[in-house]
Amino acid sequence: MGGIKMDPSWAGRRRVVRLSLLSCFGLALYSMYLGPAMAAVVFPCVSALAGAVIGSYVFGAAWERTSGVQSLNQEKK
């Protein structure tokens, strides 16, 4: 991947993201089971949580990649 090696902690991060999204999905399904009134309350919260998890994962990956490229450029100087 372009000379930048992924940190072993990424496997753990992906596991946390997958478990978080799976729990969001499970909570959404359970709220549908409880009824439409409960689903109307829970869905916006769960979708916001899932969006925040995905957004922070993508932003964190971009941030780490950018800082990794910058550190490689500084080492070359």
PDB file of N, CA and C in Angstrom:
ATOM      1  N   MET A   1       0.835  -1.178   0.000  1.00  0.00           N
ATOM      2  CA  MET A   1       0.000   0.000   0.000  1.00  0.00           C
ATOM      3  C   MET A   1       0.880   1.242   0.000  1.00  0.00           C
ATOM      4  N   GLY A   2       1.530   1.506  -1.067  1.00  0.00           N
ATOM      5  CA  GLY A   2       2.278   2.739  -1.239  1.00  0.00           C
ATOM      6  C   GLY A   2       3.430   2.934  -0.272  1.00  0.00           C
ATOM      7  N   GLY A   3       4.023   1.874   0.218  1.00  0.00           N
ATOM      8  CA  GLY A   3       5.167   1.996   1.107  1.00  0.00           C
ATOM      9  C   GLY A   3       4.809   2.234   2.565  1.00  0.00           C
ATOM     10  N   ILE A   4       3.553   2.457   2.869  1.00  0.00           N
ATOM     11  CA  ILE A   4       3.141   2.673   4.250  1.00  0.00           C
ATOM     12  C   ILE A   4       2.551   1.375   4.760  1.00  0.00           C
ATOM     13  N   LYS A   5       3.143   0.841   5.815  1.00  0.00           N
ATOM     14  CA  LYS A   5       2.648  -0.409   6.367  1.00  0.00           C
ATOM     15  C   LYS A   5       1.581  -0.116   7.407  1.00  0.00           C
ATOM     16  N   MET A   6       0.550  -0.933   7.380  1.00  0.00           N
ATOM     17  CA  MET A   6      -0.531  -0.745   8.346  1.00  0.00           C
ATOM     18  C   MET A   6      -0.095  -1.231   9.719  1.00  0.00           C
ATOM     19  N   ASP A   7      -0.459  -0.487  10.690  1.00  0.00           N
ATOM     20  CA  ASP A   7      -0.170  -0.832  12.075  1.00  0.00           C
ATOM     21  C   ASP A   7      -0.992  -2.062  12.467  1.00  0.00           C
ATOM     22  N   PRO A   8      -0.445  -2.984  13.248  1.00  0.00           N
ATOM     23  CA  PRO A   8      -1.224  -4.157  13.657  1.00  0.00           C
ATOM     24  C   PRO A   8      -2.490  -3.819  14.442  1.00  0.00           C
ATOM     25  N   SER A   9      -2.544  -2.625  15.014  1.00  0.00           N
ATOM     26  CA  SER A   9      -3.726  -2.252  15.786  1.00  0.00           C
ATOM     27  C   SER A   9      -4.943  -2.020  14.895  1.00  0.00           C
ATOM     28  N   TRP A  10      -4.759  -1.950  13.586  1.00  0.00           N
ATOM     29  CA  TRP A  10      -5.901  -1.761  12.690  1.00  0.00           C
ATOM     30  C   TRP A  10      -6.834  -2.945  12.728  1.00  0.00           C
ATOM     31  N   ALA A  11      -6.307  -4.132  12.956  1.00  0.00           N
ATOM     32  CA  ALA A  11      -7.189  -5.303  13.074  1.00  0.00           C
ATOM     33  C   ALA A  11      -8.129  -5.128  14.264  1.00  0.00           C
ATOM     34  N   GLY A  12      -7.603  -4.638  15.356  1.00  0.00           N
ATOM     35  CA  GLY A  12      -8.431  -4.373  16.530  1.00  0.00           C
ATOM     36  C   GLY A  12      -9.437  -3.263  16.282  1.00  0.00           C
ATOM     37  N   ARG A  13      -9.014  -2.231  15.563  1.00  0.00           N
ATOM     38  CA  ARG A  13      -9.930  -1.133  15.259  1.00  0.00           C
ATOM     39  C   ARG A  13     -11.075  -1.607  14.378  1.00  0.00           C
ATOM     40  N   ARG A  14     -10.761  -2.412  13.367  1.00  0.00           N
ATOM     41  CA  ARG A  14     -11.822  -2.928  12.505  1.00  0.00           C
ATOM     42  C   ARG A  14     -12.779  -3.804  13.284  1.00  0.00           C
ATOM     43  N   ARG A  15     -12.259  -4.575  14.220  1.00  0.00           N
ATOM     44  CA  ARG A  15     -13.113  -5.434  15.047  1.00  0.00           C
ATOM     45  C   ARG A  15     -14.073  -4.586  15.872  1.00  0.00           C
ATOM     46  N   VAL A  16     -13.582  -3.513  16.449  1.00  0.00           N
ATOM     47  CA  VAL A  16     -14.433  -2.627  17.256  1.00  0.00           C
ATOM     48  C   VAL A  16     -15.499  -1.968  16.385  1.00  0.00           C
ATOM     49  N   VAL A  17     -15.120  -1.535  15.184  1.00  0.00           N
ATOM     50  CA  VAL A  17     -16.081  -0.906  14.275  1.00  0.00           C
ATOM     51  C   VAL A  17     -17.156  -1.906  13.880  1.00  0.00           C
ATOM     52  N   ARG A  18     -16.755  -3.111  13.524  1.00  0.00           N
ATOM     53  CA  ARG A  18     -17.736  -4.125  13.123  1.00  0.00           C
ATOM     54  C   ARG A  18     -18.681  -4.470  14.264  1.00  0.00           C
ATOM     55  N   LEU A  19     -18.145  -4.622  15.466  1.00  0.00           N
ATOM     56  CA  LEU A  19     -19.000  -4.931  16.610  1.00  0.00           C
ATOM     57  C   LEU A  19     -19.948  -3.772  16.927  1.00  0.00           C
ATOM     58  N   SER A  20     -19.466  -2.549  16.791  1.00  0.00           N
ATOM     59  CA  SER A  20     -20.325  -1.386  17.036  1.00  0.00           C
ATOM     60  C   SER A  20     -21.459  -1.314  16.031  1.00  0.00           C
ATOM     61  N   LEU A  21     -21.128  -1.529  14.757  1.00  0.00           N
ATOM     62  CA  LEU A  21     -22.170  -1.485  13.731  1.00  0.00           C
ATOM     63  C   LEU A  21     -23.137  -2.647  13.865  1.00  0.00           C
ATOM     64  N   LEU A  22     -22.626  -3.802  14.254  1.00  0.00           N
ATOM     65  CA  LEU A  22     -23.500  -4.954  14.474  1.00  0.00           C
ATOM     66  C   LEU A  22     -24.449  -4.697  15.647  1.00  0.00           C
ATOM     67  N   SER A  23     -23.946  -4.068  16.696  1.00  0.00           N
ATOM     68  CA  SER A  23     -24.825  -3.758  17.829  1.00  0.00           C
ATOM     69  C   SER A  23     -25.861  -2.697  17.446  1.00  0.00           C
ATOM     70  N   CYS A  24     -25.483  -1.738  16.596  1.00  0.00           N
ATOM     71  CA  CYS A  24     -26.458  -0.754  16.109  1.00  0.00           C
ATOM     72  C   CYS A  24     -27.556  -1.452  15.321  1.00  0.00           C
ATOM     73  N   PHE A  25     -27.163  -2.372  14.450  1.00  0.00           N
ATOM     74  CA  PHE A  25     -28.136  -3.113  13.650  1.00  0.00           C
ATOM     75  C   PHE A  25     -29.046  -3.950  14.552  1.00  0.00           C
ATOM     76  N   GLY A  26     -28.462  -4.608  15.542  1.00  0.00           N
ATOM     77  CA  GLY A  26     -29.256  -5.418  16.466  1.00  0.00           C
ATOM     78  C   GLY A  26     -30.229  -4.575  17.269  1.00  0.00           C
ATOM     79  N   LEU A  27     -29.785  -3.426  17.714  1.00  0.00           N
ATOM     80  CA  LEU A  27     -30.662  -2.533  18.463  1.00  0.00           C
ATOM     81  C   LEU A  27     -31.801  -2.023  17.589  1.00  0.00           C
ATOM     82  N   ALA A  28     -31.498  -1.725  16.334  1.00  0.00           N
ATOM     83  CA  ALA A  28     -32.548  -1.279  15.414  1.00  0.00           C
ATOM     84  C   ALA A  28     -33.579  -2.387  15.190  1.00  0.00           C
ATOM     85  N   LEU A  29     -33.116  -3.608  15.011  1.00  0.00           N
ATOM     86  CA  LEU A  29     -34.041  -4.724  14.833  1.00  0.00           C
ATOM     87  C   LEU A  29     -34.885  -4.960  16.083  1.00  0.00           C
ATOM     88  N   TYR A  30     -34.253  -4.879  17.246  1.00  0.00           N
ATOM     89  CA  TYR A  30     -34.986  -5.083  18.494  1.00  0.00           C
ATOM     90  C   TYR A  30     -36.031  -3.991  18.697  1.00  0.00           C
ATOM     91  N   SER A  31     -35.706  -2.759  18.322  1.00  0.00           N
ATOM     92  CA  SER A  31     -36.675  -1.674  18.473  1.00  0.00           C
ATOM     93  C   SER A  31     -37.860  -1.868  17.524  1.00  0.00           C
ATOM     94  N   MET A  32     -37.616  -2.449  16.352  1.00  0.00           N
ATOM     95  CA  MET A  32     -38.734  -2.761  15.448  1.00  0.00           C
ATOM     96  C   MET A  32     -39.617  -3.838  16.058  1.00  0.00           C
ATOM     97  N   TYR A  33     -39.013  -4.770  16.765  1.00  0.00           N
ATOM     98  CA  TYR A  33     -39.773  -5.822  17.432  1.00  0.00           C
ATOM     99  C   TYR A  33     -40.659  -5.237  18.531  1.00  0.00           C
ATOM    100  N   LEU A  34     -40.169  -4.215  19.220  1.00  0.00           N
ATOM    101  CA  LEU A  34     -40.925  -3.609  20.309  1.00  0.00           C
ATOM    102  C   LEU A  34     -42.087  -2.758  19.821  1.00  0.00           C
ATOM    103  N   GLY A  35     -42.042  -2.336  18.583  1.00  0.00           N
ATOM    104  CA  GLY A  35     -43.163  -1.577  18.040  1.00  0.00           C
ATOM    105  C   GLY A  35     -42.723  -0.339  17.290  1.00  0.00           C
ATOM    106  N   PRO A  36     -43.640   0.214  16.514  1.00  0.00           N
ATOM    107  CA  PRO A  36     -43.276   1.372  15.690  1.00  0.00           C
ATOM    108  C   PRO A  36     -42.976   2.637  16.506  1.00  0.00           C
ATOM    109  N   ALA A  37     -43.599   2.782  17.648  1.00  0.00           N
ATOM    110  CA  ALA A  37     -43.314   3.962  18.469  1.00  0.00           C
ATOM    111  C   ALA A  37     -41.879   3.936  18.985  1.00  0.00           C
ATOM    112  N   MET A  38     -41.449   2.764  19.411  1.00  0.00           N
ATOM    113  CA  MET A  38     -40.075   2.631  19.895  1.00  0.00           C
ATOM    114  C   MET A  38     -39.086   2.784  18.747  1.00  0.00           C
ATOM    115  N   ALA A  39     -39.422   2.215  17.588  1.00  0.00           N
ATOM    116  CA  ALA A  39     -38.536   2.318  16.430  1.00  0.00           C
ATOM    117  C   ALA A  39     -38.382   3.769  15.983  1.00  0.00           C
ATOM    118  N   ALA A  40     -39.446   4.538  16.081  1.00  0.00           N
ATOM    119  CA  ALA A  40     -39.383   5.943  15.681  1.00  0.00           C
ATOM    120  C   ALA A  40     -38.430   6.737  16.574  1.00  0.00           C
ATOM    121  N   VAL A  41     -38.285   6.317  17.810  1.00  0.00           N
ATOM    122  CA  VAL A  41     -37.379   6.997  18.735  1.00  0.00           C
ATOM    123  C   VAL A  41     -35.946   6.491  18.564  1.00  0.00           C
ATOM    124  N   VAL A  42     -35.797   5.194  18.376  1.00  0.00           N
ATOM    125  CA  VAL A  42     -34.464   4.581  18.386  1.00  0.00           C
ATOM    126  C   VAL A  42     -33.729   4.757  17.060  1.00  0.00           C
ATOM    127  N   PHE A  43     -34.435   4.685  15.928  1.00  0.00           N
ATOM    128  CA  PHE A  43     -33.763   4.731  14.621  1.00  0.00           C
ATOM    129  C   PHE A  43     -32.901   5.966  14.401  1.00  0.00           C
ATOM    130  N   PRO A  44     -33.377   7.179  14.711  1.00  0.00           N
ATOM    131  CA  PRO A  44     -32.494   8.339  14.501  1.00  0.00           C
ATOM    132  C   PRO A  44     -31.222   8.280  15.353  1.00  0.00           C
ATOM    133  N   CYS A  45     -31.359   7.800  16.574  1.00  0.00           N
ATOM    134  CA  CYS A  45     -30.191   7.703  17.459  1.00  0.00           C
ATOM    135  C   CYS A  45     -29.200   6.643  16.971  1.00  0.00           C
ATOM    136  N   VAL A  46     -29.734   5.507  16.577  1.00  0.00           N
ATOM    137  CA  VAL A  46     -28.873   4.419  16.121  1.00  0.00           C
ATOM    138  C   VAL A  46     -28.201   4.787  14.800  1.00  0.00           C
ATOM    139  N   SER A  47     -28.928   5.435  13.913  1.00  0.00           N
ATOM    140  CA  SER A  47     -28.313   5.829  12.639  1.00  0.00           C
ATOM    141  C   SER A  47     -27.252   6.901  12.855  1.00  0.00           C
ATOM    142  N   ALA A  48     -27.470   7.800  13.791  1.00  0.00           N
ATOM    143  CA  ALA A  48     -26.454   8.808  14.108  1.00  0.00           C
ATOM    144  C   ALA A  48     -25.213   8.149  14.709  1.00  0.00           C
ATOM    145  N   LEU A  49     -25.426   7.172  15.575  1.00  0.00           N
ATOM    146  CA  LEU A  49     -24.296   6.456  16.160  1.00  0.00           C
ATOM    147  C   LEU A  49     -23.511   5.702  15.090  1.00  0.00           C
ATOM    148  N   ALA A  50     -24.209   5.010  14.199  1.00  0.00           N
ATOM    149  CA  ALA A  50     -23.530   4.282  13.125  1.00  0.00           C
ATOM    150  C   ALA A  50     -22.777   5.248  12.210  1.00  0.00           C
ATOM    151  N   GLY A  51     -23.373   6.373  11.904  1.00  0.00           N
ATOM    152  CA  GLY A  51     -22.690   7.374  11.090  1.00  0.00           C
ATOM    153  C   GLY A  51     -21.452   7.926  11.766  1.00  0.00           C
ATOM    154  N   ALA A  52     -21.537   8.140  13.071  1.00  0.00           N
ATOM    155  CA  ALA A  52     -20.381   8.635  13.817  1.00  0.00           C
ATOM    156  C   ALA A  52     -19.261   7.602  13.853  1.00  0.00           C
ATOM    157  N   VAL A  53     -19.618   6.335  14.009  1.00  0.00           N
ATOM    158  CA  VAL A  53     -18.607   5.266  14.031  1.00  0.00           C
ATOM    159  C   VAL A  53     -17.901   5.191  12.677  1.00  0.00           C
ATOM    160  N   ILE A  54     -18.673   5.193  11.601  1.00  0.00           N
ATOM    161  CA  ILE A  54     -18.078   5.113  10.267  1.00  0.00           C
ATOM    162  C   ILE A  54     -17.244   6.359   9.973  1.00  0.00           C
ATOM    163  N   GLY A  55     -17.773   7.521  10.303  1.00  0.00           N
ATOM    164  CA  GLY A  55     -17.042   8.762  10.062  1.00  0.00           C
ATOM    165  C   GLY A  55     -15.743   8.845  10.834  1.00  0.00           C
ATOM    166  N   SER A  56     -15.758   8.430  12.078  1.00  0.00           N
ATOM    167  CA  SER A  56     -14.524   8.489  12.869  1.00  0.00           C
ATOM    168  C   SER A  56     -13.505   7.466  12.383  1.00  0.00           C
ATOM    169  N   TYR A  57     -13.982   6.323  11.906  1.00  0.00           N
ATOM    170  CA  TYR A  57     -13.064   5.316  11.366  1.00  0.00           C
ATOM    171  C   TYR A  57     -12.382   5.842  10.103  1.00  0.00           C
ATOM    172  N   VAL A  58     -13.160   6.423   9.204  1.00  0.00           N
ATOM    173  CA  VAL A  58     -12.598   6.954   7.959  1.00  0.00           C
ATOM    174  C   VAL A  58     -11.680   8.134   8.253  1.00  0.00           C
ATOM    175  N   PHE A  59     -12.115   9.050   9.126  1.00  0.00           N
ATOM    176  CA  PHE A  59     -11.296  10.204   9.465  1.00  0.00           C
ATOM    177  C   PHE A  59     -10.003   9.771  10.160  1.00  0.00           C
ATOM    178  N   GLY A  60     -10.110   8.792  11.047  1.00  0.00           N
ATOM    179  CA  GLY A  60      -8.910   8.294  11.727  1.00  0.00           C
ATOM    180  C   GLY A  60      -7.926   7.645  10.768  1.00  0.00           C
ATOM    181  N   ALA A  61      -8.446   6.914   9.791  1.00  0.00           N
ATOM    182  CA  ALA A  61      -7.568   6.288   8.803  1.00  0.00           C
ATOM    183  C   ALA A  61      -6.878   7.347   7.956  1.00  0.00           C
ATOM    184  N   ALA A  62      -7.628   8.362   7.548  1.00  0.00           N
ATOM    185  CA  ALA A  62      -7.039   9.432   6.744  1.00  0.00           C
ATOM    186  C   ALA A  62      -6.005  10.213   7.550  1.00  0.00           C
ATOM    187  N   TRP A  63      -6.310  10.463   8.809  1.00  0.00           N
ATOM    188  CA  TRP A  63      -5.382  11.197   9.671  1.00  0.00           C
ATOM    189  C   TRP A  63      -4.095  10.406   9.869  1.00  0.00           C
ATOM    190  N   GLU A  64      -4.222   9.118  10.133  1.00  0.00           N
ATOM    191  CA  GLU A  64      -3.036   8.301  10.357  1.00  0.00           C
ATOM    192  C   GLU A  64      -2.204   8.178   9.083  1.00  0.00           C
ATOM    193  N   ARG A  65      -2.863   8.055   7.953  1.00  0.00           N
ATOM    194  CA  ARG A  65      -2.143   7.959   6.685  1.00  0.00           C
ATOM    195  C   ARG A  65      -1.393   9.259   6.403  1.00  0.00           C
ATOM    196  N   THR A  66      -2.050  10.393   6.634  1.00  0.00           N
ATOM    197  CA  THR A  66      -1.404  11.682   6.395  1.00  0.00           C
ATOM    198  C   THR A  66      -0.213  11.877   7.318  1.00  0.00           C
ATOM    199  N   SER A  67      -0.385  11.538   8.587  1.00  0.00           N
ATOM    200  CA  SER A  67       0.732  11.697   9.521  1.00  0.00           C
ATOM    201  C   SER A  67       1.851  10.705   9.198  1.00  0.00           C
ATOM    202  N   GLY A  68       1.515   9.529   8.679  1.00  0.00           N
ATOM    203  CA  GLY A  68       2.534   8.565   8.286  1.00  0.00           C
ATOM    204  C   GLY A  68       3.332   9.039   7.096  1.00  0.00           C
ATOM    205  N   VAL A  69       2.669   9.657   6.132  1.00  0.00           N
ATOM    206  CA  VAL A  69       3.357  10.192   4.964  1.00  0.00           C
ATOM    207  C   VAL A  69       4.254  11.351   5.378  1.00  0.00           C
ATOM    208  N   GLN A  70       3.764  12.201   6.267  1.00  0.00           N
ATOM    209  CA  GLN A  70       4.566  13.329   6.727  1.00  0.00           C
ATOM    210  C   GLN A  70       5.797  12.858   7.483  1.00  0.00           C
ATOM    211  N   SER A  71       5.660  11.830   8.300  1.00  0.00           N
ATOM    212  CA  SER A  71       6.820  11.334   9.036  1.00  0.00           C
ATOM    213  C   SER A  71       7.828  10.673   8.100  1.00  0.00           C
ATOM    214  N   LEU A  72       7.361  10.018   7.046  1.00  0.00           N
ATOM    215  CA  LEU A  72       8.271   9.435   6.070  1.00  0.00           C
ATOM    216  C   LEU A  72       9.014  10.519   5.310  1.00  0.00           C
ATOM    217  N   ASN A  73       8.326  11.607   4.975  1.00  0.00           N
ATOM    218  CA  ASN A  73       8.983  12.735   4.282  1.00  0.00           C
ATOM    219  C   ASN A  73      10.026  13.385   5.172  1.00  0.00           C
ATOM    220  N   GLN A  74       9.760  13.476   6.471  1.00  0.00           N
ATOM    221  CA  GLN A  74      10.725  14.081   7.383  1.00  0.00           C
ATOM    222  C   GLN A  74      11.943  13.192   7.565  1.00  0.00           C
ATOM    223  N   GLU A  75      11.770  11.873   7.528  1.00  0.00           N
ATOM    224  CA  GLU A  75      12.883  10.956   7.665  1.00  0.00           C
ATOM    225  C   GLU A  75      13.803  11.010   6.454  1.00  0.00           C
ATOM    226  N   LYS A  76      13.250  11.291   5.276  1.00  0.00           N
ATOM    227  CA  LYS A  76      14.048  11.343   4.058  1.00  0.00           C
ATOM    228  C   LYS A  76      14.938  12.566   4.007  1.00  0.00           C
ATOM    229  N   LYS A  77      14.552  13.645   4.719  1.00  0.00           N
ATOM    230  CA  LYS A  77      15.325  14.904   4.684  1.00  0.00           C
ATOM    231  C   LYS A  77      16.578  14.820   5.475  1.00  0.00           C
TER     232      LYS A  77
END
